Each structure stands twice: as structure tokens, then as C-alpha cells.
Protein backbone atom coordinates (compact mmCIF):
# COMPACT_ATOMS: atom_id res chain seq x y z
CA UNK A 1 -169.72 -42.47 -111.62
CA UNK A 2 -172.87 -40.43 -111.06
CA UNK A 3 -172.66 -36.65 -110.70
CA UNK A 4 -174.87 -33.66 -111.60
CA UNK A 5 -174.30 -31.66 -114.76
CA UNK A 6 -173.64 -27.93 -114.65
CA UNK A 7 -177.27 -27.13 -115.49
CA UNK A 8 -178.74 -29.50 -112.92
CA UNK A 9 -176.96 -27.71 -110.10
CA UNK A 10 -178.68 -24.37 -110.70
CA UNK A 11 -182.32 -23.23 -110.91
CA UNK A 12 -182.24 -20.51 -113.57
CA UNK A 13 -185.79 -19.35 -112.89
CA UNK A 14 -184.91 -18.80 -109.25
CA UNK A 15 -181.72 -17.00 -110.30
CA UNK A 16 -183.70 -14.54 -112.45
CA UNK A 17 -186.19 -14.00 -109.63
CA UNK A 18 -183.41 -13.22 -107.14
CA UNK A 19 -181.37 -11.09 -109.58
CA UNK A 20 -183.82 -9.56 -112.08
CA UNK A 21 -182.80 -8.10 -115.42
CA UNK A 22 -184.40 -5.69 -117.87
CA UNK A 23 -187.53 -3.83 -116.78
CA UNK A 24 -187.97 -6.11 -113.76
CA UNK A 25 -184.57 -4.91 -112.50
CA UNK A 26 -185.26 -1.18 -112.75
CA UNK A 27 -188.83 -1.53 -111.46
CA UNK A 28 -187.70 -3.40 -108.34
CA UNK A 29 -184.82 -1.17 -107.35
CA UNK A 30 -186.27 2.19 -108.36
CA UNK A 31 -188.97 1.70 -105.72
CA UNK A 32 -186.90 -0.02 -103.03
CA UNK A 33 -185.70 1.69 -99.85
CA UNK A 34 -182.17 1.38 -98.47
CA UNK A 35 -183.53 -0.56 -95.48
CA UNK A 36 -185.22 -3.09 -97.75
CA UNK A 37 -182.03 -3.44 -99.76
CA UNK A 38 -179.96 -4.01 -96.62
CA UNK A 39 -182.32 -6.80 -95.56
CA UNK A 40 -181.69 -8.56 -98.91
CA UNK A 41 -177.96 -8.13 -98.47
CA UNK A 42 -177.98 -9.34 -94.88
CA UNK A 43 -179.86 -12.54 -95.68
CA UNK A 44 -177.33 -13.41 -98.36
CA UNK A 45 -174.41 -12.52 -96.12
CA UNK A 46 -175.56 -14.84 -93.34
CA UNK A 47 -175.78 -17.70 -95.85
CA UNK A 48 -172.36 -16.75 -97.24
CA UNK A 49 -170.79 -16.87 -93.78
CA UNK A 50 -172.05 -20.41 -93.23
CA UNK A 51 -170.29 -21.37 -96.46
CA UNK A 52 -167.15 -19.47 -95.48
CA UNK A 53 -166.72 -21.51 -92.31
CA UNK A 54 -166.57 -24.64 -94.47
CA UNK A 55 -163.51 -23.34 -96.36
CA UNK A 56 -160.03 -23.92 -94.82
CA UNK A 57 -158.71 -20.55 -96.01
CA UNK A 58 -161.38 -18.61 -94.08
CA UNK A 59 -161.24 -20.85 -91.00
CA UNK A 60 -157.53 -20.07 -90.80
CA UNK A 61 -157.88 -16.35 -91.64
CA UNK A 62 -160.66 -15.76 -89.15
CA UNK A 63 -159.30 -18.10 -86.48
CA UNK A 64 -156.03 -16.18 -86.40
CA UNK A 65 -158.07 -13.15 -85.33
CA UNK A 66 -159.86 -15.10 -82.62
CA UNK A 67 -163.16 -15.19 -84.49
CA UNK A 68 -165.37 -18.23 -83.96
CA UNK A 69 -168.57 -19.42 -85.68
CA UNK A 70 -171.49 -17.35 -84.41
CA UNK A 71 -169.38 -14.27 -83.62
CA UNK A 72 -170.52 -12.52 -86.82
CA UNK A 73 -174.28 -12.08 -86.57
CA UNK A 74 -174.82 -10.19 -89.81
CA UNK A 75 -173.58 -7.42 -92.07
CA UNK A 76 -173.44 -4.99 -89.17
CA UNK A 77 -170.50 -7.08 -87.88
CA UNK A 78 -168.59 -7.39 -91.15
CA UNK A 79 -165.94 -4.91 -90.00
CA UNK A 80 -164.77 -7.45 -87.42
CA UNK A 81 -163.60 -9.79 -90.19
CA UNK A 82 -160.07 -9.32 -91.55
CA UNK A 83 -159.61 -8.29 -95.17
CA UNK A 84 -157.39 -10.25 -97.53
CA UNK A 85 -155.91 -9.58 -100.95
CA UNK A 86 -154.16 -11.27 -103.85
CA UNK A 87 -150.99 -11.84 -101.82
CA UNK A 88 -152.95 -14.01 -99.38
CA UNK A 89 -154.43 -16.03 -102.23
CA UNK A 90 -151.02 -16.51 -103.84
CA UNK A 91 -149.62 -17.65 -100.48
CA UNK A 92 -152.48 -20.14 -100.22
CA UNK A 93 -151.62 -21.51 -103.65
CA UNK A 94 -147.94 -21.76 -102.71
CA UNK A 95 -148.74 -23.67 -99.52
CA UNK A 96 -151.49 -25.83 -101.04
CA UNK A 97 -150.62 -26.27 -104.74
CA UNK A 98 -151.90 -26.11 -107.36
CA UNK A 99 -155.27 -24.49 -106.47
CA UNK A 100 -154.79 -23.26 -102.91
CA UNK A 101 -157.26 -23.91 -100.11
CA UNK A 102 -159.65 -20.98 -100.68
CA UNK A 103 -161.98 -22.65 -103.20
CA UNK A 104 -163.87 -25.19 -101.07
CA UNK A 105 -164.31 -27.60 -103.99
CA UNK A 106 -164.22 -30.73 -101.88
CA UNK A 107 -163.63 -34.20 -103.30
CA UNK A 108 -163.82 -34.71 -107.07
CA UNK A 109 -166.54 -37.34 -106.68
CA UNK A 110 -168.91 -34.98 -104.88
CA UNK A 111 -167.98 -31.41 -105.82
CA UNK A 112 -170.14 -29.29 -108.14
CA UNK A 113 -168.91 -28.50 -111.67
CA UNK A 114 -166.12 -25.93 -111.48
CA UNK A 115 -165.06 -23.28 -114.01
CA UNK A 116 -161.31 -22.61 -113.89
CA UNK A 117 -159.49 -19.55 -115.23
CA UNK A 118 -156.69 -17.20 -114.21
CA UNK A 119 -156.18 -13.46 -114.07
CA UNK A 120 -154.17 -11.67 -116.75
CA UNK A 121 -151.21 -11.16 -114.43
CA UNK A 122 -151.14 -7.37 -114.89
CA UNK A 123 -149.94 -6.86 -111.30
CA UNK A 124 -147.79 -10.01 -111.07
CA UNK A 125 -148.06 -13.76 -111.50
CA UNK A 126 -151.48 -14.88 -112.84
CA UNK A 127 -153.83 -15.89 -110.06
CA UNK A 128 -156.18 -18.87 -109.94
CA UNK A 129 -159.86 -17.99 -110.43
CA UNK A 130 -162.56 -20.58 -109.74
CA UNK A 131 -166.34 -20.46 -110.07
CA UNK A 132 -169.22 -22.77 -109.30
CA UNK A 133 -172.39 -22.74 -111.42
CA UNK A 134 -174.21 -20.19 -109.24
CA UNK A 135 -171.22 -17.88 -108.87
CA UNK A 136 -170.52 -18.06 -112.58
CA UNK A 137 -174.05 -17.43 -113.79
CA UNK A 138 -174.84 -14.60 -111.36
CA UNK A 139 -171.53 -13.02 -112.35
CA UNK A 140 -172.52 -13.34 -116.00
CA UNK A 141 -175.97 -11.95 -115.26
CA UNK A 142 -174.60 -8.83 -113.59
CA UNK A 143 -172.70 -7.97 -116.77
CA UNK A 144 -175.60 -8.84 -119.08
CA UNK A 145 -178.04 -6.88 -116.93
CA UNK A 146 -175.70 -3.89 -116.94
CA UNK A 147 -175.23 -4.03 -120.71
CA UNK A 148 -179.00 -4.11 -121.25
CA UNK A 149 -179.56 -1.17 -118.92
CA UNK A 150 -176.91 0.79 -120.81
CA UNK A 151 -178.91 0.21 -123.97
CA UNK A 152 -177.58 -2.98 -125.56
CA UNK A 153 -180.40 -4.78 -127.34
CA UNK A 154 -181.22 -7.93 -129.27
CA UNK A 155 -180.66 -6.07 -132.56
CA UNK A 156 -177.05 -5.24 -131.68
CA UNK A 157 -173.95 -7.00 -132.98
CA UNK A 158 -171.27 -6.96 -130.29
CA UNK A 159 -167.53 -7.00 -131.02
CA UNK A 160 -165.45 -8.10 -128.00
CA UNK A 161 -161.74 -7.35 -127.64
CA UNK A 162 -161.40 -9.15 -124.31
CA UNK A 163 -158.67 -11.80 -124.25
CA UNK A 164 -159.26 -15.53 -124.12
CA UNK A 165 -156.96 -18.43 -123.37
CA UNK A 166 -156.62 -18.95 -119.61
CA UNK A 167 -157.74 -15.38 -118.92
CA UNK A 168 -161.26 -15.17 -117.57
CA UNK A 169 -162.39 -11.92 -119.24
CA UNK A 170 -163.22 -12.96 -122.80
CA UNK A 171 -165.00 -16.11 -121.72
CA UNK A 172 -167.35 -14.68 -119.13
CA UNK A 173 -168.17 -11.61 -121.22
CA UNK A 174 -169.16 -13.96 -124.06
CA UNK A 175 -171.32 -15.93 -121.64
CA UNK A 176 -172.89 -12.74 -120.29
CA UNK A 177 -173.87 -11.45 -123.73
CA UNK A 178 -175.09 -14.76 -125.15
CA UNK A 179 -176.94 -15.85 -121.99
CA UNK A 180 -178.59 -12.57 -121.05
CA UNK A 181 -178.81 -10.06 -123.93
CA UNK A 182 -179.75 -11.92 -127.16
CA UNK A 183 -177.21 -9.80 -129.04
CA UNK A 184 -175.01 -11.41 -131.69
CA UNK A 185 -171.51 -11.79 -130.29
CA UNK A 186 -168.13 -11.70 -132.06
CA UNK A 187 -165.27 -13.08 -129.92
CA UNK A 188 -162.46 -11.17 -131.64
CA UNK A 189 -160.12 -11.11 -128.64
CA UNK A 190 -156.84 -9.23 -128.42
CA UNK A 191 -154.70 -8.01 -131.29
CA UNK A 192 -152.56 -11.14 -131.09
CA UNK A 193 -155.62 -13.41 -131.30
CA UNK A 194 -157.14 -11.50 -134.22
CA UNK A 195 -154.97 -8.91 -135.95
CA UNK A 196 -156.27 -5.35 -135.67
CA UNK A 197 -156.80 -4.99 -139.40
CA UNK A 198 -158.85 -8.19 -139.43
CA UNK A 199 -160.88 -6.95 -136.47
CA UNK A 200 -162.05 -3.80 -138.20
CA UNK A 201 -162.88 -5.81 -141.33
CA UNK A 202 -165.02 -8.11 -139.18
CA UNK A 203 -166.84 -5.03 -137.92
CA UNK A 204 -167.57 -3.91 -141.45
CA UNK A 205 -168.55 -7.38 -142.72
CA UNK A 206 -170.96 -8.22 -139.90
CA UNK A 207 -172.47 -4.83 -139.15
CA UNK A 208 -171.05 -4.43 -135.66
CA UNK A 209 -172.89 -1.80 -133.61
CA UNK A 210 -171.23 -2.19 -130.20
CA UNK A 211 -167.69 -2.73 -128.92
CA UNK A 212 -166.87 -4.12 -125.47
CA UNK A 213 -163.43 -4.30 -123.87
CA UNK A 214 -160.61 -2.18 -122.52
CA UNK A 215 -160.69 1.23 -124.16
CA UNK A 216 -156.94 1.46 -124.75
CA UNK A 217 -157.19 -1.15 -127.49
CA UNK A 218 -160.64 0.05 -128.58
CA UNK A 219 -159.08 3.42 -129.45
CA UNK A 220 -156.24 1.68 -131.27
CA UNK A 221 -158.84 -0.11 -133.42
CA UNK A 222 -160.36 3.25 -134.36
CA UNK A 223 -156.99 4.32 -135.77
CA UNK A 224 -156.84 1.07 -137.74
CA UNK A 225 -160.35 1.63 -139.12
CA UNK A 226 -159.32 5.12 -140.24
CA UNK A 227 -156.15 3.80 -141.87
CA UNK A 228 -158.13 1.12 -143.71
CA UNK A 229 -160.77 3.61 -144.85
CA UNK A 230 -163.58 1.55 -143.34
CA UNK A 231 -165.55 4.16 -141.42
CA UNK A 232 -168.07 4.48 -144.22
CA UNK A 233 -168.86 0.77 -143.61
CA UNK A 234 -168.74 0.78 -139.80
CA UNK A 235 -171.38 2.38 -137.59
CA UNK A 236 -170.58 1.87 -133.91
CA UNK A 237 -173.24 3.38 -131.66
CA UNK A 238 -172.11 2.17 -128.21
CA UNK A 239 -168.81 1.33 -126.50
CA UNK A 240 -168.87 -0.39 -123.11
CA UNK A 241 -165.47 -0.59 -121.50
CA UNK A 242 -163.31 0.50 -118.62
CA UNK A 243 -162.62 4.22 -118.82
CA UNK A 244 -160.99 4.49 -115.42
CA UNK A 245 -159.27 7.85 -115.05
CA UNK A 246 -159.56 8.69 -118.73
CA UNK A 247 -162.01 11.11 -120.28
CA UNK A 248 -164.65 9.33 -122.37
CA UNK A 249 -164.63 12.13 -124.96
CA UNK A 250 -161.48 10.90 -126.70
CA UNK A 251 -162.86 7.38 -127.07
CA UNK A 252 -166.17 8.70 -128.40
CA UNK A 253 -164.43 11.03 -130.84
CA UNK A 254 -162.21 8.22 -132.10
CA UNK A 255 -165.34 6.23 -133.01
CA UNK A 256 -167.11 9.20 -134.59
CA UNK A 257 -169.60 9.92 -131.83
CA UNK A 258 -170.41 6.49 -130.37
CA UNK A 259 -171.54 6.73 -126.72
CA UNK A 260 -169.04 5.27 -124.24
CA UNK A 261 -170.08 3.68 -120.95
CA UNK A 262 -167.87 2.83 -117.99
CA UNK A 263 -167.93 -0.11 -115.58
CA UNK A 264 -165.69 -1.71 -113.00
CA UNK A 265 -164.89 -5.21 -111.77
CA UNK A 266 -162.00 -7.56 -111.05
CA UNK A 267 -161.43 -11.24 -111.77
CA UNK A 268 -162.20 -12.44 -108.25
CA UNK A 269 -165.51 -10.59 -107.98
CA UNK A 270 -166.86 -10.07 -111.48
CA UNK A 271 -168.75 -6.84 -112.18
CA UNK A 272 -168.98 -4.62 -109.11
CA UNK A 273 -170.40 -1.41 -110.52
CA UNK A 274 -171.38 0.23 -113.78
CA UNK A 275 -173.03 3.28 -115.24
CA UNK A 276 -176.73 3.58 -115.94
CA UNK A 277 -178.28 5.22 -119.00
CA UNK A 278 -177.66 8.70 -117.57
CA UNK A 279 -173.91 8.03 -117.16
CA UNK A 280 -173.76 9.86 -113.84
CA UNK A 281 -171.48 7.72 -111.67
CA UNK A 282 -171.30 3.93 -111.37
CA UNK A 283 -174.04 2.04 -109.56
CA UNK A 284 -172.76 -0.68 -107.24
CA UNK A 285 -174.75 -3.89 -107.87
CA UNK A 286 -175.78 -4.00 -104.24
CA UNK A 287 -178.23 -6.86 -104.54
CA UNK A 288 -175.19 -9.05 -105.24
CA UNK A 289 -172.10 -7.14 -104.06
CA UNK A 290 -171.31 -5.45 -100.75
CA UNK A 291 -168.74 -2.71 -101.21
CA UNK A 292 -166.73 -1.03 -98.45
CA UNK A 293 -164.30 1.85 -98.91
CA UNK A 294 -161.43 1.56 -96.43
CA UNK A 295 -158.62 3.99 -95.72
CA UNK A 296 -155.47 2.90 -97.56
CA UNK A 297 -153.26 3.35 -94.49
CA UNK A 298 -155.49 2.52 -91.51
CA UNK A 299 -157.98 0.05 -92.99
CA UNK A 300 -160.84 1.95 -91.32
CA UNK A 301 -163.99 3.02 -93.22
CA UNK A 302 -163.48 6.38 -94.92
CA UNK A 303 -165.74 9.34 -94.20
CA UNK A 304 -168.59 10.02 -96.62
CA UNK A 305 -167.05 11.17 -99.88
CA UNK A 306 -163.57 10.05 -98.86
CA UNK A 307 -161.29 8.04 -101.13
CA UNK A 308 -160.41 4.49 -100.12
CA UNK A 309 -159.60 0.96 -101.20
CA UNK A 310 -162.54 -0.95 -102.63
CA UNK A 311 -163.10 -4.01 -100.43
CA UNK A 312 -165.70 -6.37 -101.88
CA UNK A 313 -167.85 -9.18 -100.55
CA UNK A 314 -169.65 -11.20 -103.23
CA UNK A 315 -172.94 -11.90 -101.46
CA UNK A 316 -174.03 -14.39 -104.13
CA UNK A 317 -170.82 -16.44 -104.39
CA UNK A 318 -171.62 -19.16 -101.86
CA UNK A 319 -170.66 -22.23 -103.87
CA UNK A 320 -167.05 -22.28 -105.13
CA UNK A 321 -164.38 -19.81 -103.95
CA UNK A 322 -166.45 -17.53 -101.71
CA UNK A 323 -165.25 -13.93 -101.68
CA UNK A 324 -165.57 -12.25 -98.27
CA UNK A 325 -163.83 -8.87 -97.76
CA UNK A 326 -161.43 -9.03 -100.70
CA UNK A 327 -159.26 -5.90 -100.98
CA UNK A 328 -158.95 -5.02 -104.67
CA UNK A 329 -156.46 -2.22 -103.89
CA UNK A 330 -158.35 -0.13 -106.44
CA UNK A 331 -159.45 3.21 -105.07
CA UNK A 332 -162.57 5.34 -105.53
CA UNK A 333 -165.03 7.50 -103.60
CA UNK A 334 -168.79 7.38 -103.15
CA UNK A 335 -170.98 9.99 -104.82
CA UNK A 336 -173.62 12.03 -103.03
CA UNK A 337 -177.34 11.73 -103.64
CA UNK A 338 -179.54 9.02 -105.05
CA UNK A 339 -179.57 8.10 -108.72
CA UNK A 340 -182.20 6.26 -110.75
CA UNK A 341 -182.28 3.26 -108.40
CA UNK A 342 -181.60 2.53 -104.72
CA UNK A 343 -178.03 1.34 -105.26
CA UNK A 344 -175.23 3.69 -104.16
CA UNK A 345 -172.94 5.18 -106.76
CA UNK A 346 -169.17 5.48 -106.91
CA UNK A 347 -166.90 7.64 -109.03
CA UNK A 348 -165.25 4.63 -110.65
CA UNK A 349 -161.65 3.44 -110.79
CA UNK A 350 -159.22 6.21 -109.81
CA UNK A 351 -155.99 4.22 -109.45
CA UNK A 352 -154.38 1.38 -107.51
CA UNK A 353 -153.19 1.92 -103.96
CA UNK A 354 -150.52 -0.76 -104.45
CA UNK A 355 -149.33 1.01 -107.62
CA UNK A 356 -149.22 4.35 -105.86
CA UNK A 357 -145.78 5.94 -106.02
CA UNK A 358 -144.60 8.43 -103.41
CA UNK A 359 -142.34 11.02 -105.02
CA UNK A 360 -140.94 13.73 -102.77
CA UNK A 361 -143.81 13.22 -100.35
CA UNK A 362 -146.55 13.33 -103.02
CA UNK A 363 -148.75 10.33 -103.83
CA UNK A 364 -148.72 9.73 -107.60
CA UNK A 365 -151.04 7.34 -109.42
CA UNK A 366 -149.64 6.41 -112.86
CA UNK A 367 -153.17 5.97 -114.27
CA UNK A 368 -153.85 9.66 -113.61
CA UNK A 369 -151.46 10.56 -116.43
CA UNK A 370 -153.91 9.22 -119.01
CA UNK A 371 -156.46 11.90 -118.15
CA UNK A 372 -153.83 14.63 -118.37
CA UNK A 373 -152.67 13.81 -121.90
CA UNK A 374 -155.99 12.97 -123.54
CA UNK A 375 -157.76 15.04 -126.18
CA UNK A 376 -154.54 16.48 -127.60
CA UNK A 377 -154.03 16.18 -131.31
CA UNK A 378 -150.26 15.98 -130.94
CA UNK A 379 -150.42 12.91 -128.63
CA UNK A 380 -151.83 9.43 -129.16
CA UNK A 381 -152.78 9.00 -125.48
CA UNK A 382 -150.40 6.06 -125.02
CA UNK A 383 -147.76 6.17 -122.29
CA UNK A 384 -145.64 4.06 -119.93
CA UNK A 385 -144.04 5.03 -116.59
CA UNK A 386 -140.65 3.75 -115.43
CA UNK A 387 -139.80 3.99 -111.75
CA UNK A 388 -136.12 3.98 -110.81
CA UNK A 389 -134.01 4.60 -107.71
CA UNK A 390 -130.69 6.44 -107.88
CA UNK A 391 -127.54 5.98 -105.81
CA UNK A 392 -128.84 8.37 -103.16
CA UNK A 393 -131.92 6.13 -102.72
CA UNK A 394 -134.20 8.75 -104.28
CA UNK A 395 -137.05 7.52 -106.46
CA UNK A 396 -137.55 9.03 -109.90
CA UNK A 397 -140.33 8.52 -112.41
CA UNK A 398 -139.96 8.90 -116.15
CA UNK A 399 -143.05 8.81 -118.34
CA UNK A 400 -142.60 7.91 -121.99
CA UNK A 401 -145.38 9.43 -124.11
CA UNK A 402 -146.23 8.88 -127.77
CA UNK A 403 -146.23 12.08 -129.84
CA UNK A 404 -147.42 12.58 -133.40
CA UNK A 405 -145.00 15.50 -133.66
CA UNK A 406 -144.87 19.14 -132.66
CA UNK A 407 -145.08 18.50 -128.91
CA UNK A 408 -143.36 21.00 -126.63
CA UNK A 409 -141.75 18.65 -124.11
CA UNK A 410 -141.12 21.35 -121.52
CA UNK A 411 -144.72 22.54 -121.67
CA UNK A 412 -145.98 18.96 -121.43
CA UNK A 413 -143.77 18.32 -118.40
CA UNK A 414 -145.23 21.43 -116.76
CA UNK A 415 -148.79 20.20 -117.49
CA UNK A 416 -148.00 16.90 -115.79
CA UNK A 417 -146.37 18.70 -112.85
CA UNK A 418 -149.48 20.81 -112.34
CA UNK A 419 -151.79 17.82 -112.63
CA UNK A 420 -149.81 15.41 -110.46
CA UNK A 421 -148.42 17.89 -107.96
CA UNK A 422 -144.82 16.79 -108.49
CA UNK A 423 -142.23 17.02 -111.25
CA UNK A 424 -141.52 13.89 -113.32
CA UNK A 425 -139.24 13.32 -116.30
CA UNK A 426 -140.77 13.17 -119.78
CA UNK A 427 -139.55 11.30 -122.85
CA UNK A 428 -141.29 11.53 -126.22
CA UNK A 429 -141.44 8.73 -128.78
CA UNK A 430 -143.20 8.22 -132.11
CA UNK A 431 -146.67 6.62 -132.33
CA UNK A 432 -146.36 2.94 -131.44
CA UNK A 433 -143.17 3.56 -129.48
CA UNK A 434 -144.63 2.41 -126.16
CA UNK A 435 -146.40 -0.69 -127.51
CA UNK A 436 -143.61 -3.11 -126.64
CA UNK A 437 -143.46 -1.91 -123.04
CA UNK A 438 -147.23 -1.64 -122.47
CA UNK A 439 -147.93 -4.88 -124.40
CA UNK A 440 -151.13 -3.24 -125.63
CA UNK A 441 -151.50 -5.69 -128.53
CA UNK A 442 -151.34 -8.78 -126.35
CA UNK A 443 -152.74 -7.85 -122.95
CA UNK A 444 -156.31 -7.09 -121.95
CA UNK A 445 -155.03 -4.26 -119.74
CA UNK A 446 -151.86 -2.52 -120.94
CA UNK A 447 -149.06 -2.03 -118.45
CA UNK A 448 -148.68 1.59 -117.29
CA UNK A 449 -145.95 1.23 -114.66
CA UNK A 450 -142.68 -0.67 -114.77
CA UNK A 451 -140.89 -0.66 -111.42
CA UNK A 452 -137.13 -0.92 -111.99
CA UNK A 453 -136.07 -0.12 -108.41
CA UNK A 454 -135.32 -3.73 -107.52
CA UNK A 455 -137.14 -3.44 -104.19
């Protein structure tokens, strides 16, 4: 059988010309106007739509809305297309096992090489993730480009705490760093893949200067380094992770002054946005991603500065598993003004609309609790929320918070009430007491909400 290899299906010089990195990236987009940027986006979108019509999932999704080929002329018409989310993809997999019908791979004898992973399953059953060579490498490039702009260099040694196995995260972050940064990369993984004490010893032995991963576990590693007395042998200067609603100060303090940078992405789309060197909002990678913010209830575009669901179209992903108006159900708002480059900026991850809990008429986002309990010496910053429903069909939320001792539970409950706008129950446990529930040692993203209502 004759078929192309992964590398024969992609022109890497053309890729770097279309999606520049390093100085070429900042030079191009610092000088570009919004109109010029839109033209780049629109050209990619028109090509993406041609690919979308070849995929059964989109033919069905769009056909059900009466949309026919040629109805969508360009990006100005994107609002006419229906959005979809993980539930639609999982239904596709159920109806067309085992991969669903959203990938467009075609026959095995003629399809391009395909990279197969799954999500971590934080919000339910793990979901199929598939990438063709172009989608994979541009996705890698966006992360590598972002890391370099944040300050990662060829003299850095990078320690990654992203998980491996079937999960996509650890693999594509490794590819991003090794393909596009020239940094030395340590694939440490989660605490179950490499024990925490062994991780901090690796940092000391190999002169690690940067840590990448989810900051919940990154902070846990700082406590391990302190306990092992290794800070005189470890000099971390930069942490690149996912701060979300949490204040970066606690992460930086835990690692003795390292600078922490925030970025955002999901498995289906790869990196969507990240901070620049000035750390003033997240730049959306608009030469590759088209981001809409839609009202959680109506699905209409929010007003300037309004908070909405992030709906993403991967303009570059026109080979395997195109992504056209995917609703992440993560919420944010756009920032005013122009930053260092032409790309718009967002505030970053503020919570999940499908994890939002309505208590006594108030919308509560469990992730918001993290920001309210940070930077307190009596608390570790770890917590887990349990949602229950009583016999009168009233919902109640209890948050279990780790305390090092001396915490006034009543005062803490009042702090949370003021911050969230509604009263919730508080339970205190010793350090490590939430680990089993959050699965912080085994998951890339710890659980923060356990819904026990049975609905």
C-alpha cells in the first residue's frame, strides 16, 4: 500500500510563513490593521467552509437549519450557522461509533495521517479528539509561539506537569516546546505518573527554569520542594499555566518570585488566547482562531464588554475534524483598547456556563471561590464544592476548604457570601483533605464541583 507520511502531507516552510513565530510574529501583527486581519481570517474561513461541507456532521447540522452550500459567503455570515458543543459530538459518537462522523477522515487507504487522543473527562465522559498534520502542527505552533513571546528561550529547561496517556495535553505541549522553542523539555506528567517528590528532584538535578501546566498542581509541587528543602537548588523564573479566576500572586509567591503567565484553550481547539510579555489580558490568536462571545441564555452576540460563552472557529483546522462554531461553555469578556499587537484581548477564563449553579436566584460559579480564598496563610487554596437538593427541592452548596489551622469558619463563610452574593455552607478539613475528591494528583484539571442532586 502506498500512502504519504505525516511529514509529506505538510509544507512546514509555508506553515511558518502563514503563522509566523518569534520576531516575525510581533513585527507582522504590531503593524497590521483590523481590516487587514479580517481579510486573513475571511480567506481561511471560506476555505474552511468548503471542507465543512465535506463532513457528514456539518452537512446534517447545517441542513437541519435549512442552510445550503453557498449560503454562507464569508465571516460576515458566520452568525447564521448553528453552534454545537460537546453534547453534539458525544451524540455523534454514540450514533456512529467509535469515532463519530465529525472527523472527515475518509477511507483508511486514502486519508491523511491522523493523531488520536481524548479529553481528560473533567466535565463527563472523555471525548474523542482527532487531528490531521496541519491542524496538529498549527495547534502546536500557537503554543510554542505564545511561550516564546512570554519569554521562554532556547536556554530554558521546561518541566511539564501535563498528563499523558490518552489525554491530549501532555503530548501536544511536548510537541509545541520541542518543535518551536528549542528549550529542553522534561515530560514529568501528573503526580501519579511521576511522584511529586521525584518531580522536584528532577527540577533540582536538571536545572529546570520553567514550569508549564495547571497551576493547582504547580502550587502543590512548591509545597513539596519546601518540604524536601530543595529551594536552594531550584531556580524557577517562569510559570506558564492556566490561572483562570485565581490570583497569580499566590502561585508566584509559592515559587519564590517566579513570573506566572496565563493562557486559555480547550482540547477541541488548542490554544485560543494567551498573555503577552506585559501580562495585560489574553490576546486571542486571531490569525488562526475566530472567537465569538455569545449570551449564555439567548445565544446572541454580547455587547462590547459583556460576558458570554466563548464560541470558537479554528480557521486553520481544515484537514481532520474541522471546528466551526464550537461552544466551549467557558465564559469571559473582551477588554477595551488595543494592546501590543492587532489581536483583541479577553479577560481570560471566568467560569463555565454549564457549571453555573443558581442558588436562590443568584448565579454562582464554583471556580470563583478560588480567587476568594487565595493569599491566606491559614488556607492552602484547595477546595471542592458539593451540590445537593433537599426534600423541598431546594439546592444547597457546601464548599469544603483545606485549612492549616486557626481559620474562623463563620468569618470565612461571610467572606464567601460577600464575594459570591449568596450564602453557602462551609466545611473545613486539614491540608490534603480535599485531594481524594478533587483528584488533584491524578487529573490535569482538578474537580471543583460534584453535583449530587441526581438530576
